[in-house]
Structure formats: C-alpha cells, structure tokens
Amino acid sequence: DLTDAIKMVLQDMPYYSKSILQLMRKHIVNDFTLDKTDRQLLYQISKGARTKELIEITHLSKSAIEFRKRNLKTVFGIEQGNDRKLIISAEQHGFI
C-alpha cells in the first residue's frame, strides 16, 4: 500500500519493493554460499562459455573447473544432468 510505504519512508524506516523482498527471501532461504569464482563460473556458463573459454576467464585448470562444476551440482542437488540443469537450478536459487 502506497500510504504505508510513505509512512515508512517518513519515519526513516527502510522500504523495499516487492521484487527486492522476493530476492532477499530467496537469498535468505539458501543455506549455502558461493564464492566469487563459483558465481563467475555460473554466470559464464549461463552465457554459453565452454570449458576452454572458462580456463582463460577464471585462470583455473580444466580439472579445477570440472571439480567446481561437480561441486556446484552437488550443492544444488543435481545428481544427473548437464550444465543446463545446473544453470536452471542456480537461477531458481537466485544466484544468476
């Protein structure tokens, strides 16, 4: 309600839009965190980057990238599947 929002702002209370509240709820619900490299991997994979390109972008070895991808699949509960399933799950959890 607009009048409630105005009252909150006038009382110097923080006001968050509906979309920000949804994003915050998604982030709070996740009981795990991802480091900068994991987030970068997810983002680059979502943009279509292949392992060869990921090596150049992240400066990790091929085996380190594969290890991180397997770990991310475990974190997101993906037992069987390709990178697309990983990206879909990461999007659902608000990481992309």
C-alpha atoms as a PDB file:
ATOM      1  CA  ASP A   1       0.000   0.000   0.000  1.00  0.00           C
ATOM      2  CA  LEU A   2       1.393   3.387  -1.012  1.00  0.00           C
ATOM      3  CA  THR A   3       0.405   5.168   2.195  1.00  0.00           C
ATOM      4  CA  ASP A   4       2.225   2.536   4.273  1.00  0.00           C
ATOM      5  CA  ALA A   5       5.319   2.964   2.119  1.00  0.00           C
ATOM      6  CA  ILE A   6       5.217   6.742   2.535  1.00  0.00           C
ATOM      7  CA  LYS A   7       4.797   6.399   6.307  1.00  0.00           C
ATOM      8  CA  MET A   8       7.797   4.045   6.468  1.00  0.00           C
ATOM      9  CA  VAL A   9       9.994   6.424   4.483  1.00  0.00           C
ATOM     10  CA  LEU A  10       8.886   9.428   6.543  1.00  0.00           C
ATOM     11  CA  GLN A  11       9.671   7.513   9.745  1.00  0.00           C
ATOM     12  CA  ASP A  12      13.150   6.808   8.345  1.00  0.00           C
ATOM     13  CA  MET A  13      12.438   3.080   8.064  1.00  0.00           C
ATOM     14  CA  PRO A  14      13.774   1.123   5.085  1.00  0.00           C
ATOM     15  CA  TYR A  15      11.257   0.375   2.362  1.00  0.00           C
ATOM     16  CA  TYR A  16      11.803  -2.482  -0.093  1.00  0.00           C
ATOM     17  CA  SER A  17       9.867  -3.066  -3.287  1.00  0.00           C
ATOM     18  CA  LYS A  18       8.112  -6.375  -3.888  1.00  0.00           C
ATOM     19  CA  SER A  19      10.833  -7.624  -6.264  1.00  0.00           C
ATOM     20  CA  ILE A  20      13.610  -6.762  -3.798  1.00  0.00           C
ATOM     21  CA  LEU A  21      11.772  -8.562  -0.990  1.00  0.00           C
ATOM     22  CA  GLN A  22      11.411 -11.669  -3.167  1.00  0.00           C
ATOM     23  CA  LEU A  23      15.128 -11.581  -3.996  1.00  0.00           C
ATOM     24  CA  MET A  24      16.032 -11.166  -0.325  1.00  0.00           C
ATOM     25  CA  ARG A  25      13.795 -14.098   0.652  1.00  0.00           C
ATOM     26  CA  LYS A  26      15.419 -16.332  -1.949  1.00  0.00           C
ATOM     27  CA  HIS A  27      18.863 -15.394  -0.717  1.00  0.00           C
ATOM     28  CA  ILE A  28      17.996 -15.929   2.965  1.00  0.00           C
ATOM     29  CA  VAL A  29      16.440 -19.341   2.272  1.00  0.00           C
ATOM     30  CA  ASN A  30      19.659 -20.654   0.717  1.00  0.00           C
ATOM     31  CA  ASP A  31      21.698 -22.386   3.378  1.00  0.00           C
ATOM     32  CA  PHE A  32      24.899 -22.210   1.366  1.00  0.00           C
ATOM     33  CA  THR A  33      27.107 -19.534  -0.092  1.00  0.00           C
ATOM     34  CA  LEU A  34      29.141 -19.467  -3.257  1.00  0.00           C
ATOM     35  CA  ASP A  35      32.492 -17.795  -3.630  1.00  0.00           C
ATOM     36  CA  LYS A  36      33.335 -15.289  -6.344  1.00  0.00           C
ATOM     37  CA  THR A  37      34.825 -17.946  -8.640  1.00  0.00           C
ATOM     38  CA  ASP A  38      31.755 -20.209  -8.382  1.00  0.00           C
ATOM     39  CA  ARG A  39      29.483 -17.266  -9.160  1.00  0.00           C
ATOM     40  CA  GLN A  40      31.673 -16.316 -12.113  1.00  0.00           C
ATOM     41  CA  LEU A  41      31.566 -19.888 -13.413  1.00  0.00           C
ATOM     42  CA  LEU A  42      27.778 -19.991 -13.173  1.00  0.00           C
ATOM     43  CA  TYR A  43      27.452 -16.653 -14.932  1.00  0.00           C
ATOM     44  CA  GLN A  44      29.844 -17.562 -17.744  1.00  0.00           C
ATOM     45  CA  ILE A  45      28.231 -20.984 -18.249  1.00  0.00           C
ATOM     46  CA  SER A  46      24.818 -19.296 -18.400  1.00  0.00           C
ATOM     47  CA  LYS A  47      26.181 -17.084 -21.185  1.00  0.00           C
ATOM     48  CA  GLY A  48      27.311 -20.160 -23.130  1.00  0.00           C
ATOM     49  CA  ALA A  49      31.015 -20.212 -22.289  1.00  0.00           C
ATOM     50  CA  ARG A  50      32.766 -23.508 -22.919  1.00  0.00           C
ATOM     51  CA  THR A  51      35.430 -25.049 -20.701  1.00  0.00           C
ATOM     52  CA  LYS A  52      38.249 -23.735 -22.917  1.00  0.00           C
ATOM     53  CA  GLU A  53      36.918 -20.207 -22.500  1.00  0.00           C
ATOM     54  CA  LEU A  54      36.391 -20.716 -18.764  1.00  0.00           C
ATOM     55  CA  ILE A  55      40.076 -21.602 -18.401  1.00  0.00           C
ATOM     56  CA  GLU A  56      41.034 -18.229 -19.876  1.00  0.00           C
ATOM     57  CA  ILE A  57      38.413 -16.274 -17.912  1.00  0.00           C
ATOM     58  CA  THR A  58      38.950 -17.831 -14.478  1.00  0.00           C
ATOM     59  CA  HIS A  59      42.626 -18.796 -14.787  1.00  0.00           C
ATOM     60  CA  LEU A  60      41.776 -22.234 -13.405  1.00  0.00           C
ATOM     61  CA  SER A  61      42.870 -25.533 -14.887  1.00  0.00           C
ATOM     62  CA  LYS A  62      40.405 -27.740 -16.740  1.00  0.00           C
ATOM     63  CA  SER A  63      40.354 -30.202 -13.843  1.00  0.00           C
ATOM     64  CA  ALA A  64      39.717 -27.393 -11.323  1.00  0.00           C
ATOM     65  CA  ILE A  65      36.794 -26.150 -13.410  1.00  0.00           C
ATOM     66  CA  GLU A  66      35.331 -29.638 -13.713  1.00  0.00           C
ATOM     67  CA  PHE A  67      35.785 -30.156  -9.956  1.00  0.00           C
ATOM     68  CA  ARG A  68      33.953 -26.899  -9.195  1.00  0.00           C
ATOM     69  CA  LYS A  69      31.138 -27.763 -11.615  1.00  0.00           C
ATOM     70  CA  ARG A  70      30.693 -31.182  -9.948  1.00  0.00           C
ATOM     71  CA  ASN A  71      30.701 -29.490  -6.544  1.00  0.00           C
ATOM     72  CA  LEU A  72      28.116 -26.931  -7.685  1.00  0.00           C
ATOM     73  CA  LYS A  73      25.890 -29.719  -8.986  1.00  0.00           C
ATOM     74  CA  THR A  74      26.124 -31.400  -5.579  1.00  0.00           C
ATOM     75  CA  VAL A  75      25.334 -28.127  -3.777  1.00  0.00           C
ATOM     76  CA  PHE A  76      22.271 -27.577  -5.964  1.00  0.00           C
ATOM     77  CA  GLY A  77      21.160 -31.211  -5.611  1.00  0.00           C
ATOM     78  CA  ILE A  78      21.692 -32.256  -9.209  1.00  0.00           C
ATOM     79  CA  GLU A  79      22.559 -35.933  -9.309  1.00  0.00           C
ATOM     80  CA  GLN A  80      22.376 -36.462 -13.046  1.00  0.00           C
ATOM     81  CA  GLY A  81      22.442 -33.741 -15.622  1.00  0.00           C
ATOM     82  CA  ASN A  82      24.297 -31.330 -17.751  1.00  0.00           C
ATOM     83  CA  ASP A  83      25.318 -27.720 -17.255  1.00  0.00           C
ATOM     84  CA  ARG A  84      21.862 -26.540 -18.336  1.00  0.00           C
ATOM     85  CA  LYS A  85      20.266 -28.187 -15.294  1.00  0.00           C
ATOM     86  CA  LEU A  86      22.903 -26.514 -13.128  1.00  0.00           C
ATOM     87  CA  ILE A  87      22.072 -23.106 -14.563  1.00  0.00           C
ATOM     88  CA  ILE A  88      18.325 -23.623 -14.151  1.00  0.00           C
ATOM     89  CA  SER A  89      18.807 -24.579 -10.509  1.00  0.00           C
ATOM     90  CA  ALA A  90      21.154 -21.629  -9.880  1.00  0.00           C
ATOM     91  CA  GLU A  91      18.541 -19.288 -11.370  1.00  0.00           C
ATOM     92  CA  GLN A  92      15.824 -20.773  -9.160  1.00  0.00           C
ATOM     93  CA  HIS A  93      18.005 -20.171  -6.103  1.00  0.00           C
ATOM     94  CA  GLY A  94      18.685 -16.572  -7.133  1.00  0.00           C
ATOM     95  CA  PHE A  95      22.385 -16.906  -7.939  1.00  0.00           C
ATOM     96  CA  ILE A  96      22.010 -15.844 -11.568  1.00  0.00           C
END
